Amino acid sequence: MAILRDVRPEASRRLVLAIASADLRKMLTSITMPVLLIYGQRNERAPAAVGAQY
């Protein structure tokens, strides 16, 4: 991310915010290989309650 920050700081900030706020749950069913999903009690982005749904 540092390289993006050096080139265009505002564009980098918008990119990171867009990625962080994207809701990709509908895509989970299309994953065809093993993955590690990590959830946590104090994780605001991926709380344990979300993990229980999958």
Protein backbone atom coordinates (compact mmCIF):
# COMPACT_ATOMS: atom_id res chain seq x y z
CA MET A 1 0.00 0.00 0.00
CA ALA A 2 2.93 2.35 0.55
CA ILE A 3 3.59 2.61 -3.18
CA LEU A 4 0.00 3.76 -3.76
CA ARG A 5 0.26 6.32 -0.95
CA ASP A 6 3.37 7.80 -2.55
CA VAL A 7 1.74 8.18 -5.95
CA ARG A 8 -1.75 9.44 -5.12
CA PRO A 9 -2.62 9.57 -1.43
CA GLU A 10 -6.31 10.44 -1.92
CA ALA A 11 -6.83 7.74 -4.54
CA SER A 12 -5.14 5.21 -2.24
CA ARG A 13 -7.39 6.19 0.65
CA ARG A 14 -10.51 5.79 -1.49
CA LEU A 15 -9.32 2.42 -2.78
CA VAL A 16 -8.67 1.08 0.71
CA LEU A 17 -12.05 2.34 1.95
CA ALA A 18 -13.85 0.74 -1.01
CA ILE A 19 -12.16 -2.61 -0.44
CA ALA A 20 -12.82 -2.50 3.31
CA SER A 21 -16.50 -1.68 2.87
CA ALA A 22 -17.24 -4.18 0.09
CA ASP A 23 -19.76 -6.87 1.03
CA LEU A 24 -18.58 -9.98 -0.80
CA ARG A 25 -20.65 -12.56 1.09
CA LYS A 26 -22.65 -13.51 -2.03
CA MET A 27 -19.40 -14.60 -3.67
CA LEU A 28 -18.57 -17.12 -0.92
CA THR A 29 -20.56 -19.87 -2.60
CA SER A 30 -18.44 -19.56 -5.76
CA ILE A 31 -15.15 -20.35 -3.98
CA THR A 32 -14.08 -23.83 -5.10
CA MET A 33 -10.89 -24.36 -3.08
CA PRO A 34 -10.15 -24.60 0.64
CA VAL A 35 -9.77 -21.25 2.40
CA LEU A 36 -9.12 -20.11 5.96
CA LEU A 37 -11.74 -17.70 7.28
CA ILE A 38 -10.85 -16.01 10.56
CA TYR A 39 -13.47 -14.43 12.79
CA GLY A 40 -13.15 -12.94 16.25
CA GLN A 41 -15.22 -11.70 19.16
CA ARG A 42 -13.58 -8.26 19.03
CA ASN A 43 -13.20 -8.05 15.25
CA GLU A 44 -15.48 -5.32 13.91
CA ARG A 45 -15.04 -6.29 10.24
CA ALA A 46 -15.56 -10.04 10.70
CA PRO A 47 -17.25 -10.72 14.04
CA ALA A 48 -17.83 -14.27 15.26
CA ALA A 49 -21.56 -13.98 14.53
CA VAL A 50 -20.79 -13.65 10.81
CA GLY A 51 -18.67 -16.80 10.92
CA ALA A 52 -21.60 -18.74 12.39
CA GLN A 53 -23.59 -17.98 9.21
CA TYR A 54 -21.09 -19.91 7.07
